């Protein structure tokens, strides 16, 4: 693929993404949070996140497949506990999981 084609694809993908976001911002004032369609979309979104997370834990691909299942479950548990106690700051979760990963790597668990 040439550089021109790659840049064109990048620009078109960016435009498509921001067009959808702009449309969402414009239509968001017209959608009620208590409407049936909003609740359905929320349920589908949570189901997709749960399915993708489960797939990453139990059926990983790539480099993640080299990490033992018990380690993925432990790190997931640490992330859940951190989210429960550090609700206000998302950075706490990121830093905690990062530190756990680095420590497990440093001590040869991975």
C-alpha atoms as a PDB file:
ATOM      1  CA  UNK A   1       0.000   0.000   0.000  1.00  0.00           C
ATOM      2  CA  UNK A   2       1.385   3.393  -0.901  1.00  0.00           C
ATOM      3  CA  UNK A   3       1.816   6.283   1.499  1.00  0.00           C
ATOM      4  CA  UNK A   4      -0.908   8.270  -0.255  1.00  0.00           C
ATOM      5  CA  UNK A   5      -3.395   5.417   0.067  1.00  0.00           C
ATOM      6  CA  UNK A   6      -2.536   4.976   3.744  1.00  0.00           C
ATOM      7  CA  UNK A   7      -2.978   8.673   4.470  1.00  0.00           C
ATOM      8  CA  UNK A   8      -6.276   8.748   2.564  1.00  0.00           C
ATOM      9  CA  UNK A   9      -7.533   5.749   4.542  1.00  0.00           C
ATOM     10  CA  UNK A  10      -6.451   7.408   7.808  1.00  0.00           C
ATOM     11  CA  UNK A  11      -8.227  10.669   6.944  1.00  0.00           C
ATOM     12  CA  UNK A  12     -11.418   8.888   5.843  1.00  0.00           C
ATOM     13  CA  UNK A  13     -11.497   6.757   8.990  1.00  0.00           C
ATOM     14  CA  UNK A  14     -10.977   9.845  11.124  1.00  0.00           C
ATOM     15  CA  UNK A  15     -13.785  11.683   9.334  1.00  0.00           C
ATOM     16  CA  UNK A  16     -16.131   8.722   9.738  1.00  0.00           C
ATOM     17  CA  UNK A  17     -15.331   8.473  13.446  1.00  0.00           C
ATOM     18  CA  UNK A  18     -15.814  12.161  14.144  1.00  0.00           C
ATOM     19  CA  UNK A  19     -18.967  12.293  11.998  1.00  0.00           C
ATOM     20  CA  UNK A  20     -20.518   9.574  14.178  1.00  0.00           C
ATOM     21  CA  UNK A  21     -19.428  11.362  17.340  1.00  0.00           C
ATOM     22  CA  UNK A  22     -20.825  14.675  16.113  1.00  0.00           C
ATOM     23  CA  UNK A  23     -24.128  13.007  15.268  1.00  0.00           C
ATOM     24  CA  UNK A  24     -24.177  11.469  18.749  1.00  0.00           C
ATOM     25  CA  UNK A  25     -23.598  14.838  20.396  1.00  0.00           C
ATOM     26  CA  UNK A  26     -26.333  16.453  18.323  1.00  0.00           C
ATOM     27  CA  UNK A  27     -28.859  13.694  19.041  1.00  0.00           C
ATOM     28  CA  UNK A  28     -27.971  13.152  22.700  1.00  0.00           C
ATOM     29  CA  UNK A  29     -30.207  15.944  23.941  1.00  0.00           C
ATOM     30  CA  UNK A  30     -33.208  14.242  22.330  1.00  0.00           C
ATOM     31  CA  UNK A  31     -32.689  10.825  23.933  1.00  0.00           C
ATOM     32  CA  UNK A  32     -34.032  10.242  27.424  1.00  0.00           C
ATOM     33  CA  UNK A  33     -31.920   8.110  29.754  1.00  0.00           C
ATOM     34  CA  UNK A  34     -35.043   6.324  30.932  1.00  0.00           C
ATOM     35  CA  UNK A  35     -36.254   5.410  27.431  1.00  0.00           C
ATOM     36  CA  UNK A  36     -36.486   1.771  26.415  1.00  0.00           C
ATOM     37  CA  UNK A  37     -34.024   2.159  23.535  1.00  0.00           C
ATOM     38  CA  UNK A  38     -31.393   3.757  25.806  1.00  0.00           C
ATOM     39  CA  UNK A  39     -31.765   0.964  28.348  1.00  0.00           C
ATOM     40  CA  UNK A  40     -31.471  -1.639  25.577  1.00  0.00           C
ATOM     41  CA  UNK A  41     -28.307  -0.023  24.199  1.00  0.00           C
ATOM     42  CA  UNK A  42     -26.854   0.085  27.724  1.00  0.00           C
ATOM     43  CA  UNK A  43     -27.596  -3.607  28.255  1.00  0.00           C
ATOM     44  CA  UNK A  44     -26.048  -4.561  24.913  1.00  0.00           C
ATOM     45  CA  UNK A  45     -22.977  -2.448  25.690  1.00  0.00           C
ATOM     46  CA  UNK A  46     -22.450  -4.085  29.090  1.00  0.00           C
ATOM     47  CA  UNK A  47     -22.965  -7.531  27.550  1.00  0.00           C
ATOM     48  CA  UNK A  48     -20.334  -6.820  24.894  1.00  0.00           C
ATOM     49  CA  UNK A  49     -17.842  -5.594  27.496  1.00  0.00           C
ATOM     50  CA  UNK A  50     -18.467  -8.687  29.646  1.00  0.00           C
ATOM     51  CA  UNK A  51     -18.066 -11.005  26.656  1.00  0.00           C
ATOM     52  CA  UNK A  52     -14.844  -9.367  25.481  1.00  0.00           C
ATOM     53  CA  UNK A  53     -13.389  -9.377  28.991  1.00  0.00           C
ATOM     54  CA  UNK A  54     -14.282 -13.049  29.432  1.00  0.00           C
ATOM     55  CA  UNK A  55     -12.717 -13.850  26.084  1.00  0.00           C
ATOM     56  CA  UNK A  56      -9.502 -12.055  27.051  1.00  0.00           C
ATOM     57  CA  UNK A  57      -9.331 -14.013  30.298  1.00  0.00           C
ATOM     58  CA  UNK A  58     -10.297 -17.502  29.109  1.00  0.00           C
ATOM     59  CA  UNK A  59      -9.502 -17.507  25.362  1.00  0.00           C
ATOM     60  CA  UNK A  60      -6.622 -15.070  24.887  1.00  0.00           C
ATOM     61  CA  UNK A  61      -4.678 -14.641  21.691  1.00  0.00           C
ATOM     62  CA  UNK A  62      -1.202 -13.360  20.969  1.00  0.00           C
ATOM     63  CA  UNK A  63       1.179 -12.562  23.812  1.00  0.00           C
ATOM     64  CA  UNK A  64      -1.590 -12.778  26.420  1.00  0.00           C
ATOM     65  CA  UNK A  65      -1.885 -16.508  25.681  1.00  0.00           C
ATOM     66  CA  UNK A  66       1.547 -16.975  27.326  1.00  0.00           C
ATOM     67  CA  UNK A  67       0.253 -15.690  30.681  1.00  0.00           C
ATOM     68  CA  UNK A  68      -1.178 -18.489  32.875  1.00  0.00           C
ATOM     69  CA  UNK A  69      -4.934 -18.453  33.507  1.00  0.00           C
ATOM     70  CA  UNK A  70      -4.469 -18.174  37.264  1.00  0.00           C
ATOM     71  CA  UNK A  71      -2.382 -15.021  36.776  1.00  0.00           C
ATOM     72  CA  UNK A  72      -5.021 -13.443  34.526  1.00  0.00           C
ATOM     73  CA  UNK A  73      -7.681 -14.237  37.136  1.00  0.00           C
ATOM     74  CA  UNK A  74      -5.573 -12.807  39.986  1.00  0.00           C
ATOM     75  CA  UNK A  75      -4.920  -9.595  38.070  1.00  0.00           C
ATOM     76  CA  UNK A  76      -8.629  -9.350  37.214  1.00  0.00           C
ATOM     77  CA  UNK A  77      -9.492  -9.795  40.893  1.00  0.00           C
ATOM     78  CA  UNK A  78      -7.013  -7.101  41.900  1.00  0.00           C
ATOM     79  CA  UNK A  79      -8.532  -4.786  39.293  1.00  0.00           C
ATOM     80  CA  UNK A  80     -12.059  -5.408  40.637  1.00  0.00           C
ATOM     81  CA  UNK A  81     -10.974  -4.767  44.252  1.00  0.00           C
ATOM     82  CA  UNK A  82      -9.132  -1.611  43.177  1.00  0.00           C
ATOM     83  CA  UNK A  83     -12.181  -0.375  41.264  1.00  0.00           C
ATOM     84  CA  UNK A  84     -14.362  -0.989  44.300  1.00  0.00           C
ATOM     85  CA  UNK A  85     -12.159   0.976  46.685  1.00  0.00           C
ATOM     86  CA  UNK A  86     -10.839   3.619  44.281  1.00  0.00           C
ATOM     87  CA  UNK A  87     -14.029   4.574  42.470  1.00  0.00           C
ATOM     88  CA  UNK A  88     -13.275   8.251  42.046  1.00  0.00           C
ATOM     89  CA  UNK A  89      -9.924   7.938  40.336  1.00  0.00           C
ATOM     90  CA  UNK A  90      -9.441   5.777  37.236  1.00  0.00           C
ATOM     91  CA  UNK A  91      -5.707   6.374  37.376  1.00  0.00           C
ATOM     92  CA  UNK A  92      -5.518   4.336  40.602  1.00  0.00           C
ATOM     93  CA  UNK A  93      -6.828   1.287  38.741  1.00  0.00           C
ATOM     94  CA  UNK A  94      -4.398   1.728  35.854  1.00  0.00           C
ATOM     95  CA  UNK A  95      -1.406   2.210  38.124  1.00  0.00           C
ATOM     96  CA  UNK A  96      -2.312  -0.715  40.390  1.00  0.00           C
ATOM     97  CA  UNK A  97      -2.732  -3.172  37.539  1.00  0.00           C
ATOM     98  CA  UNK A  98       0.434  -1.863  35.878  1.00  0.00           C
ATOM     99  CA  UNK A  99       2.455  -2.287  39.065  1.00  0.00           C
ATOM    100  CA  UNK A 100       1.103  -5.813  39.577  1.00  0.00           C
ATOM    101  CA  UNK A 101       2.019  -6.754  36.012  1.00  0.00           C
ATOM    102  CA  UNK A 102       5.530  -5.331  36.335  1.00  0.00           C
ATOM    103  CA  UNK A 103       6.069  -7.036  39.691  1.00  0.00           C
ATOM    104  CA  UNK A 104       4.886 -10.411  38.404  1.00  0.00           C
ATOM    105  CA  UNK A 105       7.161 -10.017  35.392  1.00  0.00           C
ATOM    106  CA  UNK A 106      10.112  -8.959  37.556  1.00  0.00           C
ATOM    107  CA  UNK A 107       9.722 -11.959  39.856  1.00  0.00           C
ATOM    108  CA  UNK A 108       9.520 -14.383  36.939  1.00  0.00           C
ATOM    109  CA  UNK A 109       5.873 -15.368  37.070  1.00  0.00           C
ATOM    110  CA  UNK A 110       5.363 -14.517  33.410  1.00  0.00           C
END
